């Protein structure tokens, strides 16, 4: 198995991903498995662009699978993509993989916490997957590993 460490914001080079697994292998450890979505999953979008679906863009490319581990998360939430909305008052960097500076979820976690750490130490990570939106607040940077290309 090929293991290559990846930076959170580097995930933004991917166009679309699926959340395929979520679990807590140990207490307060969150593990996510995401898979790059193939171009063939976007047949209608490809046809709307006037591109032949018989020759979809990127059809021959290798697709990547990643393991994302938050070694000590504080809170996380997963929402159905259809019910998630963007708030124009939130500030973040990234598109698919977001690192928030200000967000309602971060405010919620901060306001309902025990106060043992400062808000500045918290990081809010957002991951916009097909069908799911994942929000994680942690004091630690996630460990991201490229598992395989298929």
N, C-alpha and C. Protein backbone atom coordinates (compact mmCIF):
# COMPACT_ATOMS: atom_id res chain seq x y z
N UNK A 1 0.84 -1.18 0.00
CA UNK A 1 0.00 0.00 0.00
C UNK A 1 0.89 1.24 0.00
N UNK A 2 0.61 2.17 -0.89
CA UNK A 2 1.37 3.40 -1.01
C UNK A 2 0.86 4.41 0.01
N UNK A 3 1.75 4.96 0.84
CA UNK A 3 1.35 5.94 1.83
C UNK A 3 2.11 7.24 1.61
N UNK A 4 1.39 8.28 1.22
CA UNK A 4 1.99 9.60 1.00
C UNK A 4 1.22 10.62 1.82
N UNK A 5 1.91 11.35 2.71
CA UNK A 5 1.21 12.38 3.48
C UNK A 5 0.75 13.52 2.59
N UNK A 6 -0.40 14.09 2.93
CA UNK A 6 -1.02 15.15 2.13
C UNK A 6 -1.44 16.27 3.07
N UNK A 7 -1.35 17.50 2.60
CA UNK A 7 -1.81 18.67 3.34
C UNK A 7 -3.32 18.86 3.13
N UNK A 8 -4.02 19.39 4.13
CA UNK A 8 -5.48 19.58 4.05
C UNK A 8 -5.88 20.36 2.80
N UNK A 9 -5.28 21.52 2.59
CA UNK A 9 -5.69 22.35 1.46
C UNK A 9 -5.28 21.76 0.11
N UNK A 10 -4.35 20.80 0.09
CA UNK A 10 -3.99 20.11 -1.16
C UNK A 10 -5.15 19.30 -1.71
N UNK A 11 -6.11 18.93 -0.87
CA UNK A 11 -7.28 18.17 -1.34
C UNK A 11 -8.12 18.99 -2.32
N UNK A 12 -7.92 20.30 -2.33
CA UNK A 12 -8.69 21.16 -3.22
C UNK A 12 -8.37 20.97 -4.70
N UNK A 13 -7.33 20.24 -5.02
CA UNK A 13 -7.04 19.97 -6.42
C UNK A 13 -8.01 18.92 -6.98
N UNK A 14 -8.71 18.21 -6.11
CA UNK A 14 -9.72 17.25 -6.55
C UNK A 14 -11.01 18.00 -6.85
N UNK A 15 -11.74 17.56 -7.86
CA UNK A 15 -12.99 18.23 -8.20
C UNK A 15 -14.14 17.77 -7.31
N UNK A 16 -14.28 16.46 -7.15
CA UNK A 16 -15.38 15.90 -6.38
C UNK A 16 -14.89 14.66 -5.65
N UNK A 17 -15.44 14.45 -4.44
CA UNK A 17 -15.12 13.24 -3.68
C UNK A 17 -16.38 12.68 -3.04
N UNK A 18 -16.33 11.39 -2.76
CA UNK A 18 -17.36 10.72 -1.99
C UNK A 18 -16.80 10.39 -0.62
N UNK A 19 -17.60 10.54 0.41
CA UNK A 19 -17.28 10.04 1.74
C UNK A 19 -17.72 8.59 1.75
N UNK A 20 -16.78 7.65 1.83
CA UNK A 20 -17.13 6.24 1.72
C UNK A 20 -17.10 5.52 3.06
N UNK A 21 -16.35 6.06 4.04
CA UNK A 21 -16.32 5.44 5.36
C UNK A 21 -16.10 6.52 6.41
N UNK A 22 -16.68 6.30 7.58
CA UNK A 22 -16.45 7.15 8.73
C UNK A 22 -16.43 6.25 9.96
N UNK A 23 -15.51 6.53 10.87
CA UNK A 23 -15.44 5.70 12.07
C UNK A 23 -14.59 6.33 13.13
N UNK A 24 -14.67 5.74 14.30
CA UNK A 24 -13.84 6.14 15.44
C UNK A 24 -13.08 4.91 15.91
N UNK A 25 -11.90 4.67 15.33
CA UNK A 25 -11.14 3.47 15.67
C UNK A 25 -10.66 3.44 17.13
N UNK A 26 -10.54 4.62 17.74
CA UNK A 26 -10.16 4.76 19.16
C UNK A 26 -10.98 5.91 19.73
N UNK A 27 -10.98 6.04 21.05
CA UNK A 27 -11.68 7.15 21.69
C UNK A 27 -11.17 8.49 21.15
N UNK A 28 -12.10 9.34 20.75
CA UNK A 28 -11.82 10.70 20.27
C UNK A 28 -10.89 10.77 19.06
N UNK A 29 -10.86 9.71 18.27
CA UNK A 29 -10.14 9.71 17.00
C UNK A 29 -11.17 9.51 15.90
N UNK A 30 -11.20 10.43 14.96
CA UNK A 30 -12.14 10.36 13.84
C UNK A 30 -11.38 9.99 12.58
N UNK A 31 -11.90 8.99 11.87
CA UNK A 31 -11.28 8.55 10.63
C UNK A 31 -12.29 8.64 9.50
N UNK A 32 -11.90 9.31 8.43
CA UNK A 32 -12.72 9.45 7.24
C UNK A 32 -11.98 8.83 6.06
N UNK A 33 -12.70 8.12 5.20
CA UNK A 33 -12.14 7.64 3.94
C UNK A 33 -12.92 8.33 2.84
N UNK A 34 -12.19 9.00 1.95
CA UNK A 34 -12.83 9.66 0.82
C UNK A 34 -12.23 9.11 -0.47
N UNK A 35 -13.07 9.06 -1.50
CA UNK A 35 -12.64 8.58 -2.81
C UNK A 35 -12.96 9.63 -3.85
N UNK A 36 -12.02 9.86 -4.73
CA UNK A 36 -12.23 10.77 -5.84
C UNK A 36 -13.34 10.22 -6.72
N UNK A 37 -14.25 11.10 -7.15
CA UNK A 37 -15.36 10.68 -8.00
C UNK A 37 -14.92 10.66 -9.46
N UNK A 38 -15.26 9.60 -10.19
CA UNK A 38 -14.89 9.53 -11.61
C UNK A 38 -15.73 10.48 -12.46
N UNK A 39 -15.18 10.89 -13.59
CA UNK A 39 -15.88 11.80 -14.49
C UNK A 39 -17.19 11.20 -14.97
N UNK A 40 -17.28 9.88 -15.07
CA UNK A 40 -18.51 9.25 -15.56
C UNK A 40 -19.68 9.48 -14.61
N UNK A 41 -19.42 9.88 -13.36
CA UNK A 41 -20.49 10.18 -12.42
C UNK A 41 -21.19 11.50 -12.76
N UNK A 42 -20.63 12.23 -13.70
CA UNK A 42 -21.17 13.55 -14.03
C UNK A 42 -21.62 13.62 -15.47
N UNK A 43 -22.26 12.55 -15.93
CA UNK A 43 -22.70 12.43 -17.33
C UNK A 43 -23.57 13.62 -17.75
N UNK A 44 -24.56 14.01 -16.92
CA UNK A 44 -25.44 15.12 -17.29
C UNK A 44 -24.69 16.43 -17.39
N UNK A 45 -23.77 16.68 -16.43
CA UNK A 45 -22.99 17.91 -16.47
C UNK A 45 -22.10 17.95 -17.71
N UNK A 46 -21.52 16.80 -18.08
CA UNK A 46 -20.66 16.70 -19.25
C UNK A 46 -21.46 16.97 -20.51
N UNK A 47 -22.67 16.39 -20.61
CA UNK A 47 -23.52 16.61 -21.78
C UNK A 47 -23.94 18.07 -21.88
N UNK A 48 -24.21 18.72 -20.73
CA UNK A 48 -24.62 20.13 -20.72
C UNK A 48 -23.51 21.05 -21.23
N UNK A 49 -22.26 20.61 -21.08
CA UNK A 49 -21.12 21.40 -21.58
C UNK A 49 -20.87 21.16 -23.06
N UNK A 50 -21.65 20.26 -23.67
CA UNK A 50 -21.49 19.96 -25.07
C UNK A 50 -20.37 18.98 -25.37
N UNK A 51 -19.92 18.26 -24.33
CA UNK A 51 -18.86 17.27 -24.49
C UNK A 51 -19.52 15.90 -24.64
N UNK A 52 -19.01 15.10 -25.53
CA UNK A 52 -19.56 13.77 -25.75
C UNK A 52 -19.39 12.91 -24.51
N UNK A 53 -20.47 12.32 -23.99
CA UNK A 53 -20.34 11.46 -22.82
C UNK A 53 -19.58 10.18 -23.11
N UNK A 54 -19.38 9.87 -24.40
CA UNK A 54 -18.60 8.69 -24.77
C UNK A 54 -17.11 8.91 -24.52
N UNK A 55 -16.70 10.18 -24.46
CA UNK A 55 -15.30 10.52 -24.21
C UNK A 55 -15.23 11.54 -23.08
N UNK A 56 -15.65 11.15 -21.86
CA UNK A 56 -15.67 12.12 -20.77
C UNK A 56 -14.27 12.59 -20.38
N UNK A 57 -14.22 13.85 -19.97
CA UNK A 57 -12.96 14.44 -19.52
C UNK A 57 -12.44 13.65 -18.33
N UNK A 58 -11.19 13.28 -18.36
CA UNK A 58 -10.57 12.59 -17.23
C UNK A 58 -10.96 11.14 -17.08
N UNK A 59 -11.59 10.55 -18.06
CA UNK A 59 -12.06 9.18 -17.92
C UNK A 59 -10.93 8.18 -17.75
N UNK A 60 -9.75 8.48 -18.32
CA UNK A 60 -8.63 7.56 -18.21
C UNK A 60 -7.74 7.79 -17.01
N UNK A 61 -8.05 8.82 -16.21
CA UNK A 61 -7.18 9.14 -15.09
C UNK A 61 -7.34 8.15 -13.94
N UNK A 62 -6.29 8.03 -13.14
CA UNK A 62 -6.36 7.20 -11.95
C UNK A 62 -7.08 7.98 -10.86
N UNK A 63 -7.94 7.31 -10.12
CA UNK A 63 -8.70 7.95 -9.06
C UNK A 63 -8.07 7.64 -7.72
N UNK A 64 -8.10 8.60 -6.83
CA UNK A 64 -7.38 8.50 -5.57
C UNK A 64 -8.32 8.26 -4.39
N UNK A 65 -7.79 7.55 -3.38
CA UNK A 65 -8.49 7.30 -2.12
C UNK A 65 -7.61 7.83 -0.99
N UNK A 66 -8.23 8.54 -0.06
CA UNK A 66 -7.50 9.13 1.05
C UNK A 66 -8.09 8.69 2.39
N UNK A 67 -7.20 8.55 3.38
CA UNK A 67 -7.60 8.37 4.78
C UNK A 67 -7.28 9.67 5.49
N UNK A 68 -8.28 10.22 6.17
CA UNK A 68 -8.11 11.45 6.94
C UNK A 68 -8.35 11.10 8.40
N UNK A 69 -7.37 11.37 9.23
CA UNK A 69 -7.49 11.04 10.65
C UNK A 69 -7.33 12.30 11.49
N UNK A 70 -8.33 12.57 12.30
CA UNK A 70 -8.26 13.62 13.30
C UNK A 70 -7.96 12.92 14.62
N UNK A 71 -6.71 13.07 15.09
CA UNK A 71 -6.24 12.31 16.25
C UNK A 71 -6.91 12.70 17.55
N UNK A 72 -7.45 13.89 17.63
CA UNK A 72 -8.09 14.32 18.87
C UNK A 72 -9.12 15.40 18.55
N UNK A 73 -10.23 14.99 17.96
CA UNK A 73 -11.25 15.96 17.57
C UNK A 73 -12.02 16.45 18.81
N UNK A 74 -12.63 17.61 18.67
CA UNK A 74 -13.48 18.14 19.74
C UNK A 74 -14.95 17.92 19.39
N UNK A 75 -15.29 18.13 18.12
CA UNK A 75 -16.67 17.92 17.67
C UNK A 75 -16.66 17.69 16.16
N UNK A 76 -17.66 16.94 15.69
CA UNK A 76 -17.85 16.82 14.25
C UNK A 76 -19.33 16.66 13.96
N UNK A 77 -19.68 17.02 12.73
CA UNK A 77 -21.06 16.89 12.27
C UNK A 77 -21.02 16.50 10.80
N UNK A 78 -22.02 15.71 10.41
CA UNK A 78 -22.15 15.31 9.02
C UNK A 78 -23.58 15.63 8.60
N UNK A 79 -23.71 16.38 7.51
CA UNK A 79 -25.03 16.76 7.01
C UNK A 79 -25.22 16.24 5.60
N UNK A 80 -26.47 16.03 5.24
CA UNK A 80 -26.84 15.72 3.87
C UNK A 80 -26.53 16.97 3.04
N UNK A 81 -25.81 16.78 1.96
CA UNK A 81 -25.40 17.89 1.11
C UNK A 81 -26.59 18.75 0.67
N UNK A 82 -27.73 18.14 0.46
CA UNK A 82 -28.92 18.86 -0.01
C UNK A 82 -29.45 19.86 1.01
N UNK A 83 -29.12 19.67 2.28
CA UNK A 83 -29.65 20.54 3.32
C UNK A 83 -28.61 21.51 3.88
N UNK A 84 -27.40 21.46 3.38
CA UNK A 84 -26.34 22.35 3.84
C UNK A 84 -26.40 23.65 3.05
N UNK A 85 -26.11 24.75 3.71
CA UNK A 85 -26.09 26.02 3.00
C UNK A 85 -24.84 26.80 3.39
N UNK A 86 -24.40 27.63 2.48
CA UNK A 86 -23.27 28.52 2.74
C UNK A 86 -23.77 29.75 3.46
N UNK A 87 -22.99 30.22 4.40
CA UNK A 87 -23.30 31.45 5.10
C UNK A 87 -22.28 32.49 4.64
N UNK A 88 -22.75 33.60 4.10
CA UNK A 88 -21.84 34.61 3.56
C UNK A 88 -21.01 35.29 4.64
N UNK A 89 -21.37 35.14 5.90
CA UNK A 89 -20.60 35.75 6.99
C UNK A 89 -19.43 34.87 7.42
N UNK A 90 -19.39 33.63 6.96
CA UNK A 90 -18.29 32.74 7.31
C UNK A 90 -17.08 33.04 6.41
N UNK A 91 -15.88 32.93 6.99
CA UNK A 91 -14.68 33.14 6.20
C UNK A 91 -13.84 31.87 6.24
N UNK A 92 -13.33 31.50 5.07
CA UNK A 92 -12.56 30.26 4.97
C UNK A 92 -11.63 30.33 3.76
N UNK A 93 -10.69 29.40 3.76
CA UNK A 93 -9.79 29.20 2.64
C UNK A 93 -10.09 27.83 2.06
N UNK A 94 -10.07 27.70 0.74
CA UNK A 94 -10.32 26.42 0.09
C UNK A 94 -11.71 26.34 -0.50
N UNK A 95 -11.94 25.27 -1.25
CA UNK A 95 -13.24 25.05 -1.89
C UNK A 95 -13.83 23.73 -1.41
N UNK A 96 -13.29 22.62 -1.88
CA UNK A 96 -13.75 21.30 -1.47
C UNK A 96 -13.32 21.00 -0.02
N UNK A 97 -12.07 21.31 0.30
CA UNK A 97 -11.54 21.16 1.66
C UNK A 97 -11.32 22.56 2.20
N UNK A 98 -12.13 22.93 3.17
CA UNK A 98 -12.10 24.30 3.69
C UNK A 98 -11.45 24.35 5.07
N UNK A 99 -10.73 25.43 5.30
CA UNK A 99 -10.19 25.74 6.61
C UNK A 99 -10.80 27.08 7.01
N UNK A 100 -11.68 27.03 8.01
CA UNK A 100 -12.45 28.21 8.39
C UNK A 100 -11.69 29.07 9.40
N UNK A 101 -11.81 30.39 9.21
CA UNK A 101 -11.33 31.35 10.21
C UNK A 101 -12.49 31.75 11.11
N UNK A 102 -13.67 31.87 10.52
CA UNK A 102 -14.89 32.19 11.26
C UNK A 102 -16.03 31.34 10.70
N UNK A 103 -16.82 30.74 11.61
CA UNK A 103 -17.96 29.95 11.16
C UNK A 103 -18.95 29.78 12.30
N UNK A 104 -20.18 29.50 11.92
CA UNK A 104 -21.23 29.24 12.92
C UNK A 104 -20.94 27.97 13.71
N UNK A 105 -20.38 26.95 13.04
CA UNK A 105 -20.07 25.70 13.74
C UNK A 105 -18.97 25.94 14.77
N UNK A 106 -17.96 26.71 14.41
CA UNK A 106 -16.89 27.03 15.35
C UNK A 106 -17.43 27.83 16.54
N UNK A 107 -18.32 28.77 16.27
CA UNK A 107 -18.95 29.54 17.36
C UNK A 107 -19.76 28.63 18.27
N UNK A 108 -20.51 27.71 17.67
CA UNK A 108 -21.31 26.77 18.46
C UNK A 108 -20.41 25.92 19.37
N UNK A 109 -19.36 25.35 18.81
CA UNK A 109 -18.46 24.50 19.60
C UNK A 109 -17.81 25.31 20.70
N UNK A 110 -17.37 26.52 20.38
CA UNK A 110 -16.73 27.37 21.38
C UNK A 110 -17.71 27.74 22.51
N UNK A 111 -18.95 28.05 22.14
CA UNK A 111 -19.92 28.49 23.15
C UNK A 111 -20.45 27.35 24.02
N UNK A 112 -20.29 26.11 23.56
CA UNK A 112 -20.80 24.98 24.34
C UNK A 112 -19.68 24.14 24.95
N UNK A 113 -18.45 24.67 24.91
CA UNK A 113 -17.30 23.92 25.44
C UNK A 113 -17.07 24.25 26.91
N UNK A 114 -16.14 23.56 27.51
CA UNK A 114 -15.82 23.75 28.93
C UNK A 114 -14.91 24.93 29.17
N UNK A 115 -14.35 25.52 28.14
CA UNK A 115 -13.48 26.67 28.30
C UNK A 115 -12.06 26.32 28.71
N UNK A 116 -11.66 25.06 28.50
CA UNK A 116 -10.31 24.65 28.89
C UNK A 116 -9.25 25.09 27.87
N UNK A 117 -9.67 25.58 26.73
CA UNK A 117 -8.74 26.07 25.73
C UNK A 117 -9.32 27.31 25.10
N UNK A 118 -8.50 28.06 24.37
CA UNK A 118 -8.98 29.29 23.77
C UNK A 118 -9.52 29.02 22.36
N UNK A 119 -10.39 29.91 21.93
CA UNK A 119 -10.97 29.79 20.59
C UNK A 119 -9.89 29.81 19.52
N UNK A 120 -8.81 30.56 19.75
CA UNK A 120 -7.73 30.65 18.77
C UNK A 120 -7.06 29.31 18.51
N UNK A 121 -7.08 28.40 19.48
CA UNK A 121 -6.43 27.10 19.32
C UNK A 121 -7.29 26.13 18.50
N UNK A 122 -8.56 26.45 18.32
CA UNK A 122 -9.45 25.57 17.58
C UNK A 122 -9.35 25.81 16.09
N UNK A 123 -9.42 24.72 15.32
CA UNK A 123 -9.46 24.81 13.87
C UNK A 123 -10.74 24.13 13.39
N UNK A 124 -11.42 24.78 12.46
CA UNK A 124 -12.63 24.20 11.86
C UNK A 124 -12.28 23.78 10.44
N UNK A 125 -12.43 22.48 10.20
CA UNK A 125 -12.18 21.90 8.89
C UNK A 125 -13.52 21.51 8.28
N UNK A 126 -13.75 21.90 7.04
CA UNK A 126 -14.96 21.51 6.32
C UNK A 126 -14.59 20.73 5.08
N UNK A 127 -15.36 19.69 4.78
CA UNK A 127 -15.12 18.87 3.61
C UNK A 127 -16.43 18.71 2.86
N UNK A 128 -16.48 19.24 1.64
CA UNK A 128 -17.70 19.19 0.83
C UNK A 128 -17.63 18.00 -0.11
N UNK A 129 -18.30 16.94 0.27
CA UNK A 129 -18.34 15.71 -0.53
C UNK A 129 -19.65 15.66 -1.31
N UNK A 130 -19.71 14.79 -2.29
CA UNK A 130 -20.97 14.52 -2.96
C UNK A 130 -21.85 13.78 -1.95
N UNK A 131 -23.01 14.28 -1.70
CA UNK A 131 -24.01 13.72 -0.77
C UNK A 131 -23.78 14.07 0.69
N UNK A 132 -22.58 14.51 1.10
CA UNK A 132 -22.30 14.81 2.51
C UNK A 132 -21.48 16.08 2.66
N UNK A 133 -21.71 16.79 3.76
CA UNK A 133 -20.84 17.88 4.19
C UNK A 133 -20.34 17.50 5.57
N UNK A 134 -19.02 17.46 5.72
CA UNK A 134 -18.39 17.07 6.98
C UNK A 134 -17.77 18.30 7.63
N UNK A 135 -18.06 18.50 8.89
CA UNK A 135 -17.48 19.61 9.67
C UNK A 135 -16.75 19.00 10.86
N UNK A 136 -15.50 19.42 11.09
CA UNK A 136 -14.72 18.91 12.21
C UNK A 136 -14.02 20.07 12.89
N UNK A 137 -14.11 20.13 14.21
CA UNK A 137 -13.34 21.09 15.00
C UNK A 137 -12.33 20.30 15.81
N UNK A 138 -11.07 20.75 15.70
CA UNK A 138 -9.97 20.04 16.34
C UNK A 138 -8.90 21.05 16.74
N UNK A 139 -8.06 20.67 17.69
CA UNK A 139 -6.89 21.49 18.00
C UNK A 139 -5.68 21.02 17.22
N UNK A 140 -5.79 19.85 16.57
CA UNK A 140 -4.69 19.26 15.83
C UNK A 140 -4.96 19.25 14.33
N UNK A 141 -3.92 19.33 13.55
CA UNK A 141 -4.01 19.19 12.10
C UNK A 141 -4.29 17.72 11.77
N UNK A 142 -5.18 17.45 10.82
CA UNK A 142 -5.45 16.05 10.47
C UNK A 142 -4.28 15.40 9.74
N UNK A 143 -4.15 14.11 9.93
CA UNK A 143 -3.19 13.31 9.18
C UNK A 143 -3.92 12.78 7.96
N UNK A 144 -3.42 13.12 6.78
CA UNK A 144 -4.07 12.72 5.52
C UNK A 144 -3.08 11.89 4.73
N UNK A 145 -3.56 10.72 4.30
CA UNK A 145 -2.70 9.79 3.59
C UNK A 145 -3.35 9.34 2.30
N UNK A 146 -2.60 9.41 1.21
CA UNK A 146 -3.06 8.84 -0.05
C UNK A 146 -2.91 7.34 0.06
N UNK A 147 -4.02 6.62 -0.04
CA UNK A 147 -3.99 5.17 0.13
C UNK A 147 -3.72 4.43 -1.16
N UNK A 148 -4.45 4.78 -2.20
CA UNK A 148 -4.29 4.03 -3.46
C UNK A 148 -4.89 4.82 -4.59
N UNK A 149 -4.51 4.46 -5.78
CA UNK A 149 -5.13 4.97 -6.99
C UNK A 149 -5.81 3.81 -7.65
N UNK A 150 -7.01 4.01 -8.15
CA UNK A 150 -7.74 2.90 -8.77
C UNK A 150 -8.09 3.26 -10.19
